[in-house]
Amino acid sequence: MRATILHAPGDVRVEERAKPTIQNPTDAIIKVTAACVCGSDLWPYRGADSVAEPVPMGHEYVGIVDEVGAVVKNVKVGQFVIGSFFASDNTCEICQSGYQSSCVHREGVGGAQAEYMRIPLADGTLVATAELPEANKIASLLAASDVLGTGWFGAVAAEVGPGKTVAVVGDGAVGLLAILAAKQLGATRIIAMSRHEARQKLAREFGASDIVKERGDAGVAKIRELTDGLGAHCVIEAVGTQESMMQAIRSTRPGGHVGYVGVSHDVDLPGLELFFSHVHLHGGPAPVRDYLPHLIELILNGTINPGLVFDLELPLEDAAEGYRAMDERRAIKALLRP
């Protein structure tokens, strides 16, 4: 089969690899219908994360079940399924409390930018649709496997709700879908922080009421100006850098909440400032599996269209161009069709 492999920073190749096989009786093999390039894939692509050996890429996926292990009962061959980037049993105490991404049996899921992939703990990880979805729903269902679920968790972690003013730091796919989530959760006012016209337009389509172009201290000052000097009730951090995290914390009013879902890189929080801020912090890897049934329902009934974040679609063979386009900010998010 064909699969996308990262050999070194900037070196993405689509190569022939062996089709994955069942390794454990709890596994499933799926034929990938669509995958995509994630913003977090750009960390190793840019050299921010080390690449010691060739790595199969991709952790966002939808597809058709091709084979199941001996004890798999919840999904069947031929079903269309959506999963998430961590495999979970969905039965342990941690899963039952809504944090499947910290399941006691958690396993990473990778190699989605390929024709086939293996899904561990298939019964707990995969959610099947009742029937094959319409073609125009595929992109949105793919978004649910990570960026929509992650943006949704950012909004939940930030305690978004009616009467709240929300600010979103980061205008990538996760940040944009955090805006969509905040709108669905009833936020009264949503401030998008973005310098890019195409992303600003999509932010408004998803529900943003205000756009702030400034960054860093200037961005914080603008948020406070828009909120009577107090700061936002809820701030969603969707980047993962020192600047974005401090911008999020400093844009939040005392007693407010920050939901951080950007993968942290060299973030160092000043303890004394945090102590006196009275800001709540909650986040981490999103428990996408917890939200999947609800998000799938919203997509299939036409309430939301998160697939709009895909502004570039390519055949799998052109995966390297998807990485380049996102790295150069020519694309928000690249969808790959095997």
C-alpha atoms as a PDB file:
ATOM      1  CA  MET A   1       0.000   0.000   0.000  1.00  0.00           C
ATOM      2  CA  ARG A   2       1.009   3.673  -0.274  1.00  0.00           C
ATOM      3  CA  ALA A   3       1.839   5.566   2.923  1.00  0.00           C
ATOM      4  CA  THR A   4       3.222   8.979   3.837  1.00  0.00           C
ATOM      5  CA  ILE A   5       6.590   8.820   5.589  1.00  0.00           C
ATOM      6  CA  LEU A   6       8.551  11.661   7.203  1.00  0.00           C
ATOM      7  CA  HIS A   7      12.261  10.913   6.792  1.00  0.00           C
ATOM      8  CA  ALA A   8      13.683  14.181   8.156  1.00  0.00           C
ATOM      9  CA  PRO A   9      12.546  17.772   8.635  1.00  0.00           C
ATOM     10  CA  GLY A  10      11.088  18.945   5.327  1.00  0.00           C
ATOM     11  CA  ASP A  11      11.430  15.482   3.750  1.00  0.00           C
ATOM     12  CA  VAL A  12       8.004  13.879   3.229  1.00  0.00           C
ATOM     13  CA  ARG A  13       7.668  10.958   0.821  1.00  0.00           C
ATOM     14  CA  VAL A  14       4.820   8.683  -0.249  1.00  0.00           C
ATOM     15  CA  GLU A  15       6.205   5.144  -0.388  1.00  0.00           C
ATOM     16  CA  GLU A  16       5.133   1.542  -0.719  1.00  0.00           C
ATOM     17  CA  ARG A  17       4.756  -0.124   2.669  1.00  0.00           C
ATOM     18  CA  ALA A  18       3.287  -3.428   3.819  1.00  0.00           C
ATOM     19  CA  LYS A  19      -0.438  -3.312   4.538  1.00  0.00           C
ATOM     20  CA  PRO A  20      -0.973  -3.398   8.329  1.00  0.00           C
ATOM     21  CA  THR A  21      -2.233  -6.593   9.874  1.00  0.00           C
ATOM     22  CA  ILE A  22      -4.124  -7.539  13.021  1.00  0.00           C
ATOM     23  CA  GLN A  23      -1.607  -7.673  15.878  1.00  0.00           C
ATOM     24  CA  ASN A  24      -4.004  -8.041  18.808  1.00  0.00           C
ATOM     25  CA  PRO A  25      -7.533  -9.470  18.950  1.00  0.00           C
ATOM     26  CA  THR A  26      -8.802  -5.987  19.869  1.00  0.00           C
ATOM     27  CA  ASP A  27      -7.470  -4.414  16.628  1.00  0.00           C
ATOM     28  CA  ALA A  28      -9.255  -3.371  13.470  1.00  0.00           C
ATOM     29  CA  ILE A  29      -7.849  -2.577  10.041  1.00  0.00           C
ATOM     30  CA  ILE A  30      -9.592   0.192   8.119  1.00  0.00           C
ATOM     31  CA  LYS A  31      -9.374   1.254   4.484  1.00  0.00           C
ATOM     32  CA  VAL A  32      -8.825   4.994   4.756  1.00  0.00           C
ATOM     33  CA  THR A  33     -11.416   7.092   2.933  1.00  0.00           C
ATOM     34  CA  ALA A  34      -9.822  10.432   3.816  1.00  0.00           C
ATOM     35  CA  ALA A  35      -6.980  11.674   5.998  1.00  0.00           C
ATOM     36  CA  CYS A  36      -5.290  15.031   6.429  1.00  0.00           C
ATOM     37  CA  VAL A  37      -2.270  16.965   7.570  1.00  0.00           C
ATOM     38  CA  CYS A  38      -2.470  18.279  11.141  1.00  0.00           C
ATOM     39  CA  GLY A  39      -0.863  21.409  12.523  1.00  0.00           C
ATOM     40  CA  SER A  40       0.916  19.151  15.016  1.00  0.00           C
ATOM     41  CA  ASP A  41       2.446  17.257  12.064  1.00  0.00           C
ATOM     42  CA  LEU A  42       4.289  20.467  11.252  1.00  0.00           C
ATOM     43  CA  TRP A  43       6.325  20.368  14.483  1.00  0.00           C
ATOM     44  CA  PRO A  44       8.528  17.468  13.289  1.00  0.00           C
ATOM     45  CA  TYR A  45       8.276  18.671   9.683  1.00  0.00           C
ATOM     46  CA  ARG A  46       9.847  21.966  10.777  1.00  0.00           C
ATOM     47  CA  GLY A  47      12.407  20.249  13.003  1.00  0.00           C
ATOM     48  CA  ALA A  48      10.898  21.382  16.312  1.00  0.00           C
ATOM     49  CA  ASP A  49      10.383  17.702  17.217  1.00  0.00           C
ATOM     50  CA  SER A  50      13.246  15.311  16.525  1.00  0.00           C
ATOM     51  CA  VAL A  51      12.978  12.716  13.756  1.00  0.00           C
ATOM     52  CA  ALA A  52      15.324   9.829  14.587  1.00  0.00           C
ATOM     53  CA  GLU A  53      14.063   7.449  11.900  1.00  0.00           C
ATOM     54  CA  PRO A  54      11.442   7.385   9.126  1.00  0.00           C
ATOM     55  CA  VAL A  55       7.990   7.875  10.669  1.00  0.00           C
ATOM     56  CA  PRO A  56       4.574   6.978   9.174  1.00  0.00           C
ATOM     57  CA  MET A  57       2.487  10.136   9.421  1.00  0.00           C
ATOM     58  CA  GLY A  58      -1.104  11.036  10.181  1.00  0.00           C
ATOM     59  CA  HIS A  59      -3.545  10.590  13.049  1.00  0.00           C
ATOM     60  CA  GLU A  60      -6.823  11.955  11.629  1.00  0.00           C
ATOM     61  CA  TYR A  61      -8.935   9.513   9.658  1.00  0.00           C
ATOM     62  CA  VAL A  62     -12.254   8.171   8.495  1.00  0.00           C
ATOM     63  CA  GLY A  63     -12.684   4.933   6.613  1.00  0.00           C
ATOM     64  CA  ILE A  64     -14.307   1.578   6.018  1.00  0.00           C
ATOM     65  CA  VAL A  65     -13.626  -1.362   8.336  1.00  0.00           C
ATOM     66  CA  ASP A  66     -11.646  -3.935   6.357  1.00  0.00           C
ATOM     67  CA  GLU A  67     -10.877  -6.525   9.049  1.00  0.00           C
ATOM     68  CA  VAL A  68     -11.464  -6.953  12.786  1.00  0.00           C
ATOM     69  CA  GLY A  69      -9.738  -8.915  15.530  1.00  0.00           C
ATOM     70  CA  ALA A  70     -11.322 -11.948  17.173  1.00  0.00           C
ATOM     71  CA  VAL A  71     -12.857 -10.091  20.150  1.00  0.00           C
ATOM     72  CA  VAL A  72     -14.041  -6.902  18.388  1.00  0.00           C
ATOM     73  CA  LYS A  73     -17.822  -6.605  18.711  1.00  0.00           C
ATOM     74  CA  ASN A  74     -18.829  -2.941  18.328  1.00  0.00           C
ATOM     75  CA  VAL A  75     -17.703  -2.418  14.739  1.00  0.00           C
ATOM     76  CA  LYS A  76     -18.098  -4.718  11.751  1.00  0.00           C
ATOM     77  CA  VAL A  77     -16.437  -5.168   8.378  1.00  0.00           C
ATOM     78  CA  GLY A  78     -17.949  -2.758   5.853  1.00  0.00           C
ATOM     79  CA  GLN A  79     -18.992  -0.072   8.342  1.00  0.00           C
ATOM     80  CA  PHE A  80     -17.914   3.544   7.964  1.00  0.00           C
ATOM     81  CA  VAL A  81     -16.056   4.659  11.084  1.00  0.00           C
ATOM     82  CA  ILE A  82     -14.494   7.724  12.680  1.00  0.00           C
ATOM     83  CA  GLY A  83     -11.819   7.459  15.354  1.00  0.00           C
ATOM     84  CA  SER A  84      -9.421   9.676  17.252  1.00  0.00           C
ATOM     85  CA  PHE A  85      -5.677  10.085  17.700  1.00  0.00           C
ATOM     86  CA  PHE A  86      -5.538   8.080  20.942  1.00  0.00           C
ATOM     87  CA  ALA A  87      -6.944   4.577  21.181  1.00  0.00           C
ATOM     88  CA  SER A  88      -8.926   3.938  24.353  1.00  0.00           C
ATOM     89  CA  ASP A  89     -10.934   1.092  25.808  1.00  0.00           C
ATOM     90  CA  ASN A  90     -13.770   3.551  26.664  1.00  0.00           C
ATOM     91  CA  THR A  91     -14.586   1.447  29.738  1.00  0.00           C
ATOM     92  CA  CYS A  92     -11.955   2.258  32.396  1.00  0.00           C
ATOM     93  CA  GLU A  93     -12.696   4.754  35.181  1.00  0.00           C
ATOM     94  CA  ILE A  94     -10.777   7.513  33.418  1.00  0.00           C
ATOM     95  CA  CYS A  95     -12.665   6.968  30.164  1.00  0.00           C
ATOM     96  CA  GLN A  96     -15.972   6.891  31.997  1.00  0.00           C
ATOM     97  CA  SER A  97     -15.142  10.271  33.542  1.00  0.00           C
ATOM     98  CA  GLY A  98     -14.765  11.723  30.033  1.00  0.00           C
ATOM     99  CA  TYR A  99     -10.983  11.631  29.557  1.00  0.00           C
ATOM    100  CA  GLN A 100     -10.441   8.852  27.037  1.00  0.00           C
ATOM    101  CA  SER A 101      -7.196  10.487  25.898  1.00  0.00           C
ATOM    102  CA  SER A 102      -5.783   9.478  29.301  1.00  0.00           C
ATOM    103  CA  CYS A 103      -7.261   5.964  29.261  1.00  0.00           C
ATOM    104  CA  VAL A 104      -5.304   3.552  31.453  1.00  0.00           C
ATOM    105  CA  HIS A 105      -4.768   1.452  28.303  1.00  0.00           C
ATOM    106  CA  ARG A 106      -4.145   4.426  26.001  1.00  0.00           C
ATOM    107  CA  GLU A 107      -2.239   3.843  22.778  1.00  0.00           C
ATOM    108  CA  GLY A 108      -1.227   6.328  20.135  1.00  0.00           C
ATOM    109  CA  VAL A 109      -2.813   5.983  16.709  1.00  0.00           C
ATOM    110  CA  GLY A 110      -0.677   6.789  13.664  1.00  0.00           C
ATOM    111  CA  GLY A 111      -0.060   6.094  10.023  1.00  0.00           C
ATOM    112  CA  ALA A 112      -3.386   7.536   8.855  1.00  0.00           C
ATOM    113  CA  GLN A 113      -1.945   9.208   5.744  1.00  0.00           C
ATOM    114  CA  ALA A 114      -2.046   5.887   3.925  1.00  0.00           C
ATOM    115  CA  GLU A 115      -4.378   3.504   2.134  1.00  0.00           C
ATOM    116  CA  TYR A 116      -4.898   1.316   5.223  1.00  0.00           C
ATOM    117  CA  MET A 117      -4.219   1.693   8.944  1.00  0.00           C
ATOM    118  CA  ARG A 118      -4.418  -0.375  12.109  1.00  0.00           C
ATOM    119  CA  ILE A 119      -6.629   0.849  14.966  1.00  0.00           C
ATOM    120  CA  PRO A 120      -5.848  -0.579  18.431  1.00  0.00           C
ATOM    121  CA  LEU A 121      -8.681  -1.041  20.949  1.00  0.00           C
ATOM    122  CA  ALA A 122     -11.161  -0.761  18.101  1.00  0.00           C
ATOM    123  CA  ASP A 123     -14.297  -1.291  20.200  1.00  0.00           C
ATOM    124  CA  GLY A 124     -13.512   1.708  22.382  1.00  0.00           C
ATOM    125  CA  THR A 125     -11.893   3.921  19.767  1.00  0.00           C
ATOM    126  CA  LEU A 126     -14.075   3.739  16.667  1.00  0.00           C
ATOM    127  CA  VAL A 127     -17.594   5.101  16.203  1.00  0.00           C
ATOM    128  CA  ALA A 128     -19.592   3.719  13.292  1.00  0.00           C
ATOM    129  CA  THR A 129     -22.254   5.641  11.407  1.00  0.00           C
ATOM    130  CA  ALA A 130     -25.615   3.964  10.831  1.00  0.00           C
ATOM    131  CA  GLU A 131     -25.017   3.991   7.079  1.00  0.00           C
ATOM    132  CA  LEU A 132     -22.428   5.194   4.602  1.00  0.00           C
ATOM    133  CA  PRO A 133     -22.426   9.007   4.802  1.00  0.00           C
ATOM    134  CA  GLU A 134     -22.981  11.239   1.804  1.00  0.00           C
ATOM    135  CA  ALA A 135     -19.812  12.330   0.045  1.00  0.00           C
ATOM    136  CA  ASN A 136     -20.314  15.964   1.070  1.00  0.00           C
ATOM    137  CA  LYS A 137     -20.146  14.962   4.759  1.00  0.00           C
ATOM    138  CA  ILE A 138     -16.781  13.176   4.584  1.00  0.00           C
ATOM    139  CA  ALA A 139     -14.618  16.269   5.182  1.00  0.00           C
ATOM    140  CA  SER A 140     -16.649  17.304   8.216  1.00  0.00           C
ATOM    141  CA  LEU A 141     -16.554  13.795   9.697  1.00  0.00           C
ATOM    142  CA  LEU A 142     -12.792  13.803   9.160  1.00  0.00           C
ATOM    143  CA  ALA A 143     -12.563  17.102  11.055  1.00  0.00           C
ATOM    144  CA  ALA A 144     -14.386  15.449  13.959  1.00  0.00           C
ATOM    145  CA  SER A 145     -11.553  12.928  14.381  1.00  0.00           C
ATOM    146  CA  ASP A 146      -9.239  15.624  15.766  1.00  0.00           C
ATOM    147  CA  VAL A 147      -9.481  19.342  15.056  1.00  0.00           C
ATOM    148  CA  LEU A 148     -13.204  19.707  15.732  1.00  0.00           C
ATOM    149  CA  GLY A 149     -13.033  17.494  18.829  1.00  0.00           C
ATOM    150  CA  THR A 150      -9.951  19.364  20.013  1.00  0.00           C
ATOM    151  CA  GLY A 151     -11.529  22.768  19.472  1.00  0.00           C
ATOM    152  CA  TRP A 152     -14.655  21.531  21.249  1.00  0.00           C
ATOM    153  CA  PHE A 153     -12.600  20.364  24.232  1.00  0.00           C
ATOM    154  CA  GLY A 154     -10.843  23.745  24.309  1.00  0.00           C
ATOM    155  CA  ALA A 155     -14.231  25.430  24.575  1.00  0.00           C
ATOM    156  CA  VAL A 156     -15.470  23.012  27.238  1.00  0.00           C
ATOM    157  CA  ALA A 157     -12.228  23.380  29.235  1.00  0.00           C
ATOM    158  CA  ALA A 158     -12.601  27.167  29.063  1.00  0.00           C
ATOM    159  CA  GLU A 159     -16.127  26.866  30.510  1.00  0.00           C
ATOM    160  CA  VAL A 160     -17.752  28.475  27.467  1.00  0.00           C
ATOM    161  CA  GLY A 161     -21.472  29.062  27.798  1.00  0.00           C
ATOM    162  CA  PRO A 162     -24.317  31.562  27.506  1.00  0.00           C
ATOM    163  CA  GLY A 163     -23.490  35.093  28.604  1.00  0.00           C
ATOM    164  CA  LYS A 164     -19.743  34.534  28.183  1.00  0.00           C
ATOM    165  CA  THR A 165     -17.226  36.498  26.135  1.00  0.00           C
ATOM    166  CA  VAL A 166     -14.727  34.139  24.513  1.00  0.00           C
ATOM    167  CA  ALA A 167     -11.351  34.894  22.948  1.00  0.00           C
ATOM    168  CA  VAL A 168      -9.547  32.384  20.739  1.00  0.00           C
ATOM    169  CA  VAL A 169      -5.756  32.528  20.403  1.00  0.00           C
ATOM    170  CA  GLY A 170      -4.736  30.802  17.174  1.00  0.00           C
ATOM    171  CA  ASP A 171      -6.364  30.854  13.739  1.00  0.00           C
ATOM    172  CA  GLY A 172      -5.413  27.383  12.514  1.00  0.00           C
ATOM    173  CA  ALA A 173      -8.003  24.653  12.084  1.00  0.00           C
ATOM    174  CA  VAL A 174      -8.278  24.005  15.836  1.00  0.00           C
ATOM    175  CA  GLY A 175      -8.710  27.679  16.677  1.00  0.00           C
ATOM    176  CA  LEU A 176     -11.292  28.169  13.955  1.00  0.00           C
ATOM    177  CA  LEU A 177     -13.264  25.140  15.087  1.00  0.00           C
ATOM    178  CA  ALA A 178     -13.011  26.300  18.687  1.00  0.00           C
ATOM    179  CA  ILE A 179     -14.962  29.335  17.454  1.00  0.00           C
ATOM    180  CA  LEU A 180     -17.579  27.024  15.948  1.00  0.00           C
ATOM    181  CA  ALA A 181     -17.723  25.097  19.231  1.00  0.00           C
ATOM    182  CA  ALA A 182     -18.050  28.275  21.295  1.00  0.00           C
ATOM    183  CA  LYS A 183     -20.957  29.364  19.113  1.00  0.00           C
ATOM    184  CA  GLN A 184     -22.672  25.994  19.539  1.00  0.00           C
ATOM    185  CA  LEU A 185     -22.144  26.164  23.307  1.00  0.00           C
ATOM    186  CA  GLY A 186     -23.953  29.498  23.456  1.00  0.00           C
ATOM    187  CA  ALA A 187     -21.198  32.102  23.816  1.00  0.00           C
ATOM    188  CA  THR A 188     -22.542  35.635  23.618  1.00  0.00           C
ATOM    189  CA  ARG A 189     -19.422  37.202  22.084  1.00  0.00           C
ATOM    190  CA  ILE A 190     -16.499  35.500  20.343  1.00  0.00           C
ATOM    191  CA  ILE A 191     -13.233  37.315  19.619  1.00  0.00           C
ATOM    192  CA  ALA A 192     -10.944  35.720  17.039  1.00  0.00           C
ATOM    193  CA  MET A 193      -7.264  36.638  17.076  1.00  0.00           C
ATOM    194  CA  SER A 194      -6.073  36.468  13.463  1.00  0.00           C
ATOM    195  CA  ARG A 195      -3.947  38.403  10.999  1.00  0.00           C
ATOM    196  CA  HIS A 196      -4.996  36.476   7.898  1.00  0.00           C
ATOM    197  CA  GLU A 197      -7.942  37.622   5.802  1.00  0.00           C
ATOM    198  CA  ALA A 198      -9.091  34.160   4.644  1.00  0.00           C
ATOM    199  CA  ARG A 199      -9.011  32.848   8.204  1.00  0.00           C
ATOM    200  CA  GLN A 200     -10.794  35.938   9.504  1.00  0.00           C
ATOM    201  CA  LYS A 201     -13.570  35.332   6.970  1.00  0.00           C
ATOM    202  CA  LEU A 202     -13.979  31.712   8.064  1.00  0.00           C
ATOM    203  CA  ALA A 203     -13.841  32.756  11.729  1.00  0.00           C
ATOM    204  CA  ARG A 204     -16.802  35.055  11.136  1.00  0.00           C
ATOM    205  CA  GLU A 205     -18.648  32.317   9.260  1.00  0.00           C
ATOM    206  CA  PHE A 206     -18.171  30.024  12.255  1.00  0.00           C
ATOM    207  CA  GLY A 207     -19.477  32.647  14.687  1.00  0.00           C
ATOM    208  CA  ALA A 208     -16.789  35.209  15.570  1.00  0.00           C
ATOM    209  CA  SER A 209     -18.199  38.647  16.365  1.00  0.00           C
ATOM    210  CA  ASP A 210     -14.862  40.500  16.611  1.00  0.00           C
ATOM    211  CA  ILE A 211     -11.416  40.172  15.024  1.00  0.00           C
ATOM    212  CA  VAL A 212      -8.201  41.188  16.794  1.00  0.00           C
ATOM    213  CA  LYS A 213      -5.148  41.406  14.521  1.00  0.00           C
ATOM    214  CA  GLU A 214      -2.646  42.292  17.237  1.00  0.00           C
ATOM    215  CA  ARG A 215      -0.476  39.683  18.971  1.00  0.00           C
ATOM    216  CA  GLY A 216       1.424  39.458  22.251  1.00  0.00           C
ATOM    217  CA  ASP A 217       1.037  42.383  24.659  1.00  0.00           C
ATOM    218  CA  ALA A 218      -0.728  44.443  21.993  1.00  0.00           C
ATOM    219  CA  GLY A 219      -3.246  41.627  21.525  1.00  0.00           C
ATOM    220  CA  VAL A 220      -3.833  41.420  25.263  1.00  0.00           C
ATOM    221  CA  ALA A 221      -4.411  45.187  25.412  1.00  0.00           C
ATOM    222  CA  LYS A 222      -6.950  44.951  22.599  1.00  0.00           C
ATOM    223  CA  ILE A 223      -8.856  42.139  24.306  1.00  0.00           C
ATOM    224  CA  ARG A 224      -9.013  44.175  27.496  1.00  0.00           C
ATOM    225  CA  GLU A 225     -10.146  47.231  25.543  1.00  0.00           C
ATOM    226  CA  LEU A 226     -13.009  45.183  24.094  1.00  0.00           C
ATOM    227  CA  THR A 227     -14.014  43.866  27.544  1.00  0.00           C
ATOM    228  CA  ASP A 228     -14.123  47.055  29.620  1.00  0.00           C
ATOM    229  CA  GLY A 229     -10.606  46.451  30.885  1.00  0.00           C
ATOM    230  CA  LEU A 230     -11.504  43.114  32.499  1.00  0.00           C
ATOM    231  CA  GLY A 231     -10.477  40.469  29.992  1.00  0.00           C
ATOM    232  CA  ALA A 232     -12.531  37.652  28.481  1.00  0.00           C
ATOM    233  CA  HIS A 233     -14.463  35.171  30.604  1.00  0.00           C
ATOM    234  CA  CYS A 234     -13.082  32.289  28.527  1.00  0.00           C
ATOM    235  CA  VAL A 235      -9.935  32.033  26.411  1.00  0.00           C
ATOM    236  CA  ILE A 236      -9.026  29.099  24.176  1.00  0.00           C
ATOM    237  CA  GLU A 237      -5.307  28.642  23.470  1.00  0.00           C
ATOM    238  CA  ALA A 238      -4.793  26.710  20.233  1.00  0.00           C
ATOM    239  CA  VAL A 239      -1.120  27.186  19.335  1.00  0.00           C
ATOM    240  CA  GLY A 240       1.208  25.796  22.016  1.00  0.00           C
ATOM    241  CA  THR A 241       3.973  28.424  22.209  1.00  0.00           C
ATOM    242  CA  GLN A 242       5.177  30.569  25.094  1.00  0.00           C
ATOM    243  CA  GLU A 243       3.760  33.701  23.456  1.00  0.00           C
ATOM    244  CA  SER A 244       0.339  32.182  22.768  1.00  0.00           C
ATOM    245  CA  MET A 245      -0.006  30.730  26.262  1.00  0.00           C
ATOM    246  CA  MET A 246       0.913  33.974  28.006  1.00  0.00           C
ATOM    247  CA  GLN A 247      -1.321  35.905  25.630  1.00  0.00           C
ATOM    248  CA  ALA A 248      -4.185  33.590  26.589  1.00  0.00           C
ATOM    249  CA  ILE A 249      -3.605  33.856  30.342  1.00  0.00           C
ATOM    250  CA  ARG A 250      -3.182  37.640  30.250  1.00  0.00           C
ATOM    251  CA  SER A 251      -6.333  38.059  28.145  1.00  0.00           C
ATOM    252  CA  THR A 252      -8.447  36.281  30.776  1.00  0.00           C
ATOM    253  CA  ARG A 253     -10.220  38.140  33.559  1.00  0.00           C
ATOM    254  CA  PRO A 254      -9.721  37.149  37.213  1.00  0.00           C
ATOM    255  CA  GLY A 255     -11.891  34.101  37.827  1.00  0.00           C
ATOM    256  CA  GLY A 256     -11.954  33.310  34.120  1.00  0.00           C
ATOM    257  CA  HIS A 257     -10.912  30.089  32.403  1.00  0.00           C
ATOM    258  CA  VAL A 258      -8.247  29.175  29.854  1.00  0.00           C
ATOM    259  CA  GLY A 259      -8.724  26.011  27.815  1.00  0.00           C
ATOM    260  CA  TYR A 260      -5.343  25.086  26.338  1.00  0.00           C
ATOM    261  CA  VAL A 261      -5.218  22.580  23.506  1.00  0.00           C
ATOM    262  CA  GLY A 262      -2.160  23.679  21.519  1.00  0.00           C
ATOM    263  CA  VAL A 263       0.585  21.059  21.844  1.00  0.00           C
ATOM    264  CA  SER A 264       3.002  22.683  24.280  1.00  0.00           C
ATOM    265  CA  HIS A 265       6.506  23.500  23.061  1.00  0.00           C
ATOM    266  CA  ASP A 266       8.897  25.154  25.523  1.00  0.00           C
ATOM    267  CA  VAL A 267       6.117  26.782  27.542  1.00  0.00           C
ATOM    268  CA  ASP A 268       7.304  27.991  30.945  1.00  0.00           C
ATOM    269  CA  LEU A 269       4.654  29.567  33.172  1.00  0.00           C
ATOM    270  CA  PRO A 270       5.721  32.297  35.620  1.00  0.00           C
ATOM    271  CA  GLY A 271       4.420  31.004  38.946  1.00  0.00           C
ATOM    272  CA  LEU A 272       3.940  34.314  40.741  1.00  0.00           C
ATOM    273  CA  GLU A 273       2.027  35.887  37.849  1.00  0.00           C
ATOM    274  CA  LEU A 274      -0.155  32.798  37.603  1.00  0.00           C
ATOM    275  CA  PHE A 275      -0.746  32.866  41.372  1.00  0.00           C
ATOM    276  CA  PHE A 276      -2.068  36.428  41.336  1.00  0.00           C
ATOM    277  CA  SER A 277      -4.046  36.081  38.099  1.00  0.00           C
ATOM    278  CA  HIS A 278      -6.892  34.032  39.587  1.00  0.00           C
ATOM    279  CA  VAL A 279      -7.144  32.312  36.192  1.00  0.00           C
ATOM    280  CA  HIS A 280      -8.251  28.684  35.870  1.00  0.00           C
ATOM    281  CA  LEU A 281      -6.175  26.522  33.517  1.00  0.00           C
ATOM    282  CA  HIS A 282      -7.412  23.276  32.022  1.00  0.00           C
ATOM    283  CA  GLY A 283      -6.509  21.428  28.850  1.00  0.00           C
ATOM    284  CA  GLY A 284      -4.256  18.848  27.269  1.00  0.00           C
ATOM    285  CA  PRO A 285      -4.841  16.217  24.589  1.00  0.00           C
ATOM    286  CA  ALA A 286      -8.523  16.329  23.760  1.00  0.00           C
ATOM    287  CA  PRO A 287     -10.735  13.377  24.717  1.00  0.00           C
ATOM    288  CA  VAL A 288     -12.172  13.371  21.203  1.00  0.00           C
ATOM    289  CA  ARG A 289     -13.846   9.985  21.720  1.00  0.00           C
ATOM    290  CA  ASP A 290     -16.089  11.507  24.391  1.00  0.00           C
ATOM    291  CA  TYR A 291     -17.498  14.047  21.913  1.00  0.00           C
ATOM    292  CA  LEU A 292     -17.632  11.949  18.741  1.00  0.00           C
ATOM    293  CA  PRO A 293     -21.243  10.675  18.944  1.00  0.00           C
ATOM    294  CA  HIS A 294     -22.600  14.198  19.498  1.00  0.00           C
ATOM    295  CA  LEU A 295     -20.365  15.794  16.871  1.00  0.00           C
ATOM    296  CA  ILE A 296     -21.238  13.141  14.300  1.00  0.00           C
ATOM    297  CA  GLU A 297     -24.944  13.783  14.927  1.00  0.00           C
ATOM    298  CA  LEU A 298     -24.488  17.554  14.492  1.00  0.00           C
ATOM    299  CA  ILE A 299     -22.629  16.976  11.221  1.00  0.00           C
ATOM    300  CA  LEU A 300     -25.032  14.435   9.743  1.00  0.00           C
ATOM    301  CA  ASN A 301     -28.118  16.521  10.561  1.00  0.00           C
ATOM    302  CA  GLY A 302     -26.547  19.597   8.958  1.00  0.00           C
ATOM    303  CA  THR A 303     -26.233  21.729  12.096  1.00  0.00           C
ATOM    304  CA  ILE A 304     -22.491  22.313  11.617  1.00  0.00           C
ATOM    305  CA  ASN A 305     -20.078  22.139   8.680  1.00  0.00           C
ATOM    306  CA  PRO A 306     -16.565  21.944  10.152  1.00  0.00           C
ATOM    307  CA  GLY A 307     -15.206  20.566   6.874  1.00  0.00           C
ATOM    308  CA  LEU A 308     -14.910  24.160   5.670  1.00  0.00           C
ATOM    309  CA  VAL A 309     -11.473  24.262   7.338  1.00  0.00           C
ATOM    310  CA  PHE A 310     -10.158  22.091   4.493  1.00  0.00           C
ATOM    311  CA  ASP A 311      -9.168  24.612   1.846  1.00  0.00           C
ATOM    312  CA  LEU A 312      -6.828  22.267  -0.013  1.00  0.00           C
ATOM    313  CA  GLU A 313      -7.613  18.755  -1.233  1.00  0.00           C
ATOM    314  CA  LEU A 314      -4.928  16.538  -2.741  1.00  0.00           C
ATOM    315  CA  PRO A 315      -4.422  12.917  -3.737  1.00  0.00           C
ATOM    316  CA  LEU A 316      -2.282  10.987  -1.269  1.00  0.00           C
ATOM    317  CA  GLU A 317       0.611  11.005  -3.752  1.00  0.00           C
ATOM    318  CA  ASP A 318       0.863  14.787  -3.294  1.00  0.00           C
ATOM    319  CA  ALA A 319       1.053  14.703   0.521  1.00  0.00           C
ATOM    320  CA  ALA A 320       4.364  16.596   0.456  1.00  0.00           C
ATOM    321  CA  GLU A 321       2.625  19.553  -1.193  1.00  0.00           C
ATOM    322  CA  GLY A 322       0.020  19.503   1.584  1.00  0.00           C
ATOM    323  CA  TYR A 323       2.803  19.839   4.151  1.00  0.00           C
ATOM    324  CA  ARG A 324       4.468  22.650   2.187  1.00  0.00           C
ATOM    325  CA  ALA A 325       1.224  24.550   1.732  1.00  0.00           C
ATOM    326  CA  MET A 326       0.405  24.424   5.435  1.00  0.00           C
ATOM    327  CA  ASP A 327       3.969  25.217   6.480  1.00  0.00           C
ATOM    328  CA  GLU A 328       3.927  28.286   4.224  1.00  0.00           C
ATOM    329  CA  ARG A 329       0.416  29.222   5.421  1.00  0.00           C
ATOM    330  CA  ARG A 330      -0.960  28.914   1.887  1.00  0.00           C
ATOM    331  CA  ALA A 331      -3.537  26.488   3.271  1.00  0.00           C
ATOM    332  CA  ILE A 332      -5.390  26.213   6.567  1.00  0.00           C
ATOM    333  CA  LYS A 333      -5.678  22.436   6.353  1.00  0.00           C
ATOM    334  CA  ALA A 334      -4.933  19.888   3.635  1.00  0.00           C
ATOM    335  CA  LEU A 335      -7.205  16.890   3.046  1.00  0.00           C
ATOM    336  CA  LEU A 336      -5.654  13.784   1.486  1.00  0.00           C
ATOM    337  CA  ARG A 337      -7.564  11.189  -0.555  1.00  0.00           C
ATOM    338  CA  PRO A 338      -5.866   7.769  -0.835  1.00  0.00           C
END
